[in-house]
PDB file of N, CA and C in Angstrom:
ATOM      1  N   MET A   1      82.117 142.085  85.060  1.00  0.00           N
ATOM      2  CA  MET A   1      81.543 140.748  85.157  1.00  0.00           C
ATOM      3  C   MET A   1      82.255 139.748  84.246  1.00  0.00           C
ATOM      4  N   TYR A   2      82.755 140.204  83.090  1.00  0.00           N
ATOM      5  CA  TYR A   2      83.361 139.273  82.142  1.00  0.00           C
ATOM      6  C   TYR A   2      84.890 139.344  82.137  1.00  0.00           C
ATOM      7  N   HIS A   3      85.478 139.886  83.218  1.00  0.00           N
ATOM      8  CA  HIS A   3      86.929 140.019  83.227  1.00  0.00           C
ATOM      9  C   HIS A   3      87.636 138.706  83.503  1.00  0.00           C
ATOM     10  N   ARG A   4      86.936 137.715  84.073  1.00  0.00           N
ATOM     11  CA  ARG A   4      87.554 136.406  84.298  1.00  0.00           C
ATOM     12  C   ARG A   4      87.464 135.596  83.012  1.00  0.00           C
ATOM     13  N   LEU A   5      88.536 134.876  82.700  1.00  0.00           N
ATOM     14  CA  LEU A   5      88.569 134.154  81.432  1.00  0.00           C
ATOM     15  C   LEU A   5      88.274 132.668  81.594  1.00  0.00           C
ATOM     16  N   ASN A   6      87.203 132.347  82.337  1.00  0.00           N
ATOM     17  CA  ASN A   6      86.836 130.932  82.364  1.00  0.00           C
ATOM     18  C   ASN A   6      85.751 130.686  81.332  1.00  0.00           C
ATOM     19  N   SER A   7      85.470 129.436  81.029  1.00  0.00           N
ATOM     20  CA  SER A   7      84.648 129.103  79.867  1.00  0.00           C
ATOM     21  C   SER A   7      83.233 129.665  79.920  1.00  0.00           C
ATOM     22  N   SER A   8      82.543 129.561  81.039  1.00  0.00           N
ATOM     23  CA  SER A   8      81.144 129.999  81.064  1.00  0.00           C
ATOM     24  C   SER A   8      81.034 131.505  80.838  1.00  0.00           C
ATOM     25  N   GLN A   9      81.906 132.288  81.433  1.00  0.00           N
ATOM     26  CA  GLN A   9      81.809 133.740  81.258  1.00  0.00           C
ATOM     27  C   GLN A   9      82.267 134.160  79.862  1.00  0.00           C
ATOM     28  N   THR A  10      83.221 133.445  79.292  1.00  0.00           N
ATOM     29  CA  THR A  10      83.639 133.747  77.926  1.00  0.00           C
ATOM     30  C   THR A  10      82.488 133.497  76.964  1.00  0.00           C
ATOM     31  N   ILE A  11      81.769 132.394  77.165  1.00  0.00           N
ATOM     32  CA  ILE A  11      80.623 132.072  76.307  1.00  0.00           C
ATOM     33  C   ILE A  11      79.546 133.143  76.445  1.00  0.00           C
ATOM     34  N   HIS A  12      79.213 133.535  77.669  1.00  0.00           N
ATOM     35  CA  HIS A  12      78.210 134.581  77.872  1.00  0.00           C
ATOM     36  C   HIS A  12      78.663 135.880  77.210  1.00  0.00           C
ATOM     37  N   GLY A  13      79.926 136.229  77.334  1.00  0.00           N
ATOM     38  CA  GLY A  13      80.444 137.444  76.724  1.00  0.00           C
ATOM     39  C   GLY A  13      80.362 137.400  75.213  1.00  0.00           C
ATOM     40  N   LYS A  14      80.678 136.240  74.629  1.00  0.00           N
ATOM     41  CA  LYS A  14      80.619 136.073  73.171  1.00  0.00           C
ATOM     42  C   LYS A  14      79.187 136.236  72.688  1.00  0.00           C
ATOM     43  N   VAL A  15      78.224 135.664  73.393  1.00  0.00           N
ATOM     44  CA  VAL A  15      76.814 135.786  73.020  1.00  0.00           C
ATOM     45  C   VAL A  15      76.391 137.251  73.066  1.00  0.00           C
ATOM     46  N   LEU A  16      76.783 137.958  74.118  1.00  0.00           N
ATOM     47  CA  LEU A  16      76.443 139.377  74.226  1.00  0.00           C
ATOM     48  C   LEU A  16      77.082 140.188  73.099  1.00  0.00           C
ATOM     49  N   LEU A  17      78.322 139.881  72.750  1.00  0.00           N
ATOM     50  CA  LEU A  17      78.976 140.583  71.646  1.00  0.00           C
ATOM     51  C   LEU A  17      78.251 140.325  70.341  1.00  0.00           C
ATOM     52  N   ASP A  18      77.882 139.067  70.087  1.00  0.00           N
ATOM     53  CA  ASP A  18      77.155 138.723  68.862  1.00  0.00           C
ATOM     54  C   ASP A  18      75.832 139.474  68.786  1.00  0.00           C
ATOM     55  N   GLN A  19      75.104 139.529  69.904  1.00  0.00           N
ATOM     56  CA  GLN A  19      73.816 140.227  69.920  1.00  0.00           C
ATOM     57  C   GLN A  19      74.006 141.721  69.679  1.00  0.00           C
ATOM     58  N   THR A  20      75.022 142.298  70.296  1.00  0.00           N
ATOM     59  CA  THR A  20      75.291 143.731  70.126  1.00  0.00           C
ATOM     60  C   THR A  20      75.637 144.051  68.681  1.00  0.00           C
ATOM     61  N   ILE A  21      76.500 143.239  68.078  1.00  0.00           N
ATOM     62  CA  ILE A  21      76.889 143.452  66.683  1.00  0.00           C
ATOM     63  C   ILE A  21      75.678 143.302  65.769  1.00  0.00           C
ATOM     64  N   ALA A  22      74.848 142.287  65.997  1.00  0.00           N
ATOM     65  CA  ALA A  22      73.654 142.065  65.173  1.00  0.00           C
ATOM     66  C   ALA A  22      72.691 143.246  65.275  1.00  0.00           C
ATOM     67  N   LEU A  23      72.472 143.742  66.486  1.00  0.00           N
ATOM     68  CA  LEU A  23      71.581 144.894  66.669  1.00  0.00           C
ATOM     69  C   LEU A  23      72.138 146.131  65.970  1.00  0.00           C
ATOM     70  N   ASP A  24      73.456 146.321  66.064  1.00  0.00           N
ATOM     71  CA  ASP A  24      74.094 147.472  65.433  1.00  0.00           C
ATOM     72  C   ASP A  24      73.932 147.415  63.915  1.00  0.00           C
ATOM     73  N   LEU A  25      74.119 146.225  63.332  1.00  0.00           N
ATOM     74  CA  LEU A  25      73.970 146.076  61.882  1.00  0.00           C
ATOM     75  C   LEU A  25      72.526 146.308  61.454  1.00  0.00           C
ATOM     76  N   ARG A  26      71.575 145.798  62.230  1.00  0.00           N
ATOM     77  CA  ARG A  26      70.156 146.025  61.915  1.00  0.00           C
ATOM     78  C   ARG A  26      69.829 147.512  61.972  1.00  0.00           C
ATOM     79  N   ALA A  27      70.388 148.205  62.951  1.00  0.00           N
ATOM     80  CA  ALA A  27      70.150 149.646  63.082  1.00  0.00           C
ATOM     81  C   ALA A  27      70.694 150.401  61.867  1.00  0.00           C
ATOM     82  N   ARG A  28      71.757 149.857  61.278  1.00  0.00           N
ATOM     83  CA  ARG A  28      72.334 150.489  60.080  1.00  0.00           C
ATOM     84  C   ARG A  28      71.688 149.950  58.799  1.00  0.00           C
ATOM     85  N   HIS A  29      70.657 149.115  58.929  1.00  0.00           N
ATOM     86  CA  HIS A  29      69.914 148.530  57.799  1.00  0.00           C
ATOM     87  C   HIS A  29      70.801 147.672  56.899  1.00  0.00           C
ATOM     88  N   VAL A  30      71.734 146.943  57.509  1.00  0.00           N
ATOM     89  CA  VAL A  30      72.580 146.012  56.763  1.00  0.00           C
ATOM     90  C   VAL A  30      71.937 144.636  56.871  1.00  0.00           C
ATOM     91  N   THR A  31      71.555 144.060  55.714  1.00  0.00           N
ATOM     92  CA  THR A  31      70.861 142.769  55.756  1.00  0.00           C
ATOM     93  C   THR A  31      71.565 141.677  54.953  1.00  0.00           C
ATOM     94  N   ASP A  32      72.466 142.029  54.048  1.00  0.00           N
ATOM     95  CA  ASP A  32      73.170 141.039  53.236  1.00  0.00           C
ATOM     96  C   ASP A  32      73.984 140.119  54.152  1.00  0.00           C
ATOM     97  N   GLU A  33      73.704 138.808  54.072  1.00  0.00           N
ATOM     98  CA  GLU A  33      74.351 137.835  54.979  1.00  0.00           C
ATOM     99  C   GLU A  33      75.877 137.873  54.896  1.00  0.00           C
ATOM    100  N   ALA A  34      76.423 137.992  53.685  1.00  0.00           N
ATOM    101  CA  ALA A  34      77.883 138.012  53.521  1.00  0.00           C
ATOM    102  C   ALA A  34      78.486 139.235  54.204  1.00  0.00           C
ATOM    103  N   ILE A  35      77.821 140.376  54.069  1.00  0.00           N
ATOM    104  CA  ILE A  35      78.310 141.603  54.712  1.00  0.00           C
ATOM    105  C   ILE A  35      78.213 141.476  56.225  1.00  0.00           C
ATOM    106  N   VAL A  36      77.073 140.976  56.692  1.00  0.00           N
ATOM    107  CA  VAL A  36      76.868 140.821  58.134  1.00  0.00           C
ATOM    108  C   VAL A  36      77.945 139.922  58.730  1.00  0.00           C
ATOM    109  N   ASP A  37      78.231 138.788  58.077  1.00  0.00           N
ATOM    110  CA  ASP A  37      79.239 137.851  58.581  1.00  0.00           C
ATOM    111  C   ASP A  37      80.620 138.497  58.587  1.00  0.00           C
ATOM    112  N   HIS A  38      80.961 139.204  57.520  1.00  0.00           N
ATOM    113  CA  HIS A  38      82.276 139.849  57.411  1.00  0.00           C
ATOM    114  C   HIS A  38      82.443 140.939  58.473  1.00  0.00           C
ATOM    115  N   VAL A  39      81.422 141.781  58.612  1.00  0.00           N
ATOM    116  CA  VAL A  39      81.491 142.871  59.589  1.00  0.00           C
ATOM    117  C   VAL A  39      81.548 142.311  61.005  1.00  0.00           C
ATOM    118  N   SER A  40      80.733 141.290  61.283  1.00  0.00           N
ATOM    119  CA  SER A  40      80.727 140.683  62.617  1.00  0.00           C
ATOM    120  C   SER A  40      82.112 140.153  62.962  1.00  0.00           C
ATOM    121  N   ARG A  41      82.733 139.452  62.032  1.00  0.00           N
ATOM    122  CA  ARG A  41      84.055 138.880  62.274  1.00  0.00           C
ATOM    123  C   ARG A  41      85.087 139.990  62.480  1.00  0.00           C
ATOM    124  N   GLU A  42      85.016 141.024  61.641  1.00  0.00           N
ATOM    125  CA  GLU A  42      85.956 142.147  61.754  1.00  0.00           C
ATOM    126  C   GLU A  42      85.828 142.851  63.106  1.00  0.00           C
ATOM    127  N   GLU A  43      84.586 143.135  63.509  1.00  0.00           N
ATOM    128  CA  GLU A  43      84.359 143.835  64.776  1.00  0.00           C
ATOM    129  C   GLU A  43      84.783 142.973  65.959  1.00  0.00           C
ATOM    130  N   LEU A  44      84.519 141.678  65.882  1.00  0.00           N
ATOM    131  CA  LEU A  44      84.900 140.772  66.961  1.00  0.00           C
ATOM    132  C   LEU A  44      86.425 140.707  67.098  1.00  0.00           C
ATOM    133  N   GLU A  45      87.131 140.650  65.963  1.00  0.00           N
ATOM    134  CA  GLU A  45      88.598 140.641  65.999  1.00  0.00           C
ATOM    135  C   GLU A  45      89.136 141.921  66.643  1.00  0.00           C
ATOM    136  N   GLU A  46      88.514 143.054  66.316  1.00  0.00           N
ATOM    137  CA  GLU A  46      88.948 144.332  66.897  1.00  0.00           C
ATOM    138  C   GLU A  46      88.723 144.348  68.409  1.00  0.00           C
ATOM    139  N   ILE A  47      87.570 143.854  68.844  1.00  0.00           N
ATOM    140  CA  ILE A  47      87.254 143.809  70.277  1.00  0.00           C
ATOM    141  C   ILE A  47      88.230 142.894  71.010  1.00  0.00           C
ATOM    142  N   ILE A  48      88.524 141.732  70.432  1.00  0.00           N
ATOM    143  CA  ILE A  48      89.454 140.782  71.056  1.00  0.00           C
ATOM    144  C   ILE A  48      90.845 141.412  71.163  1.00  0.00           C
ATOM    145  N   THR A  49      91.275 142.120  70.127  1.00  0.00           N
ATOM    146  CA  THR A  49      92.578 142.797  70.151  1.00  0.00           C
ATOM    147  C   THR A  49      92.644 143.808  71.286  1.00  0.00           C
ATOM    148  N   LEU A  50      91.574 144.592  71.452  1.00  0.00           N
ATOM    149  CA  LEU A  50      91.540 145.582  72.534  1.00  0.00           C
ATOM    150  C   LEU A  50      91.590 144.912  73.904  1.00  0.00           C
ATOM    151  N   TYR A  51      90.852 143.802  74.070  1.00  0.00           N
ATOM    152  CA  TYR A  51      90.877 143.099  75.351  1.00  0.00           C
ATOM    153  C   TYR A  51      92.249 142.511  75.637  1.00  0.00           C
ATOM    154  N   LYS A  52      92.919 141.979  74.607  1.00  0.00           N
ATOM    155  CA  LYS A  52      94.270 141.448  74.801  1.00  0.00           C
ATOM    156  C   LYS A  52      95.202 142.554  75.282  1.00  0.00           C
ATOM    157  N   LEU A  53      95.054 143.741  74.700  1.00  0.00           N
ATOM    158  CA  LEU A  53      95.868 144.880  75.115  1.00  0.00           C
ATOM    159  C   LEU A  53      95.592 145.232  76.571  1.00  0.00           C
ATOM    160  N   LEU A  54      94.323 145.270  76.947  1.00  0.00           N
ATOM    161  CA  LEU A  54      93.965 145.587  78.333  1.00  0.00           C
ATOM    162  C   LEU A  54      94.542 144.571  79.309  1.00  0.00           C
ATOM    163  N   PHE A  55      94.430 143.278  78.967  1.00  0.00           N
ATOM    164  CA  PHE A  55      94.943 142.246  79.866  1.00  0.00           C
ATOM    165  C   PHE A  55      96.463 142.274  79.927  1.00  0.00           C
ATOM    166  N   SER A  56      97.126 142.615  78.819  1.00  0.00           N
ATOM    167  CA  SER A  56      98.592 142.673  78.858  1.00  0.00           C
ATOM    168  C   SER A  56      99.055 143.848  79.721  1.00  0.00           C
ATOM    169  N   ILE A  57      98.295 144.937  79.738  1.00  0.00           N
ATOM    170  CA  ILE A  57      98.625 146.076  80.603  1.00  0.00           C
ATOM    171  C   ILE A  57      98.441 145.688  82.069  1.00  0.00           C
ATOM    172  N   ASP A  58      97.365 144.948  82.365  1.00  0.00           N
ATOM    173  CA  ASP A  58      97.102 144.506  83.739  1.00  0.00           C
ATOM    174  C   ASP A  58      98.203 143.605  84.278  1.00  0.00           C
ATOM    175  N   ASP A  59      98.807 142.801  83.389  1.00  0.00           N
ATOM    176  CA  ASP A  59      99.824 141.837  83.823  1.00  0.00           C
ATOM    177  C   ASP A  59     101.157 142.496  84.145  1.00  0.00           C
ATOM    178  N   GLU A  60     101.372 143.710  83.659  1.00  0.00           N
ATOM    179  CA  GLU A  60     102.678 144.360  83.878  1.00  0.00           C
ATOM    180  C   GLU A  60     102.816 144.895  85.284  1.00  0.00           C
TER     181      GLU A  60
END
C-alpha cells in the first residue's frame, strides 16, 4: 500500500512508523523524552535506509 512515493501515502506511512516506534518504546518501558526522540530518529533513519535499498534494487 505504501510503495508509491506520493505525498499522501508518504505521510500516512510516516504516521504509522511513528505510532509503531512509540508503541515499541512503551512496551520496553522507555519513557525519557530525550531517549524516545533519539531512538525514534535512529529507527526511522534505519527504516528509510532499508527502503532506499529496496527501491534501488527495483530500479535495476
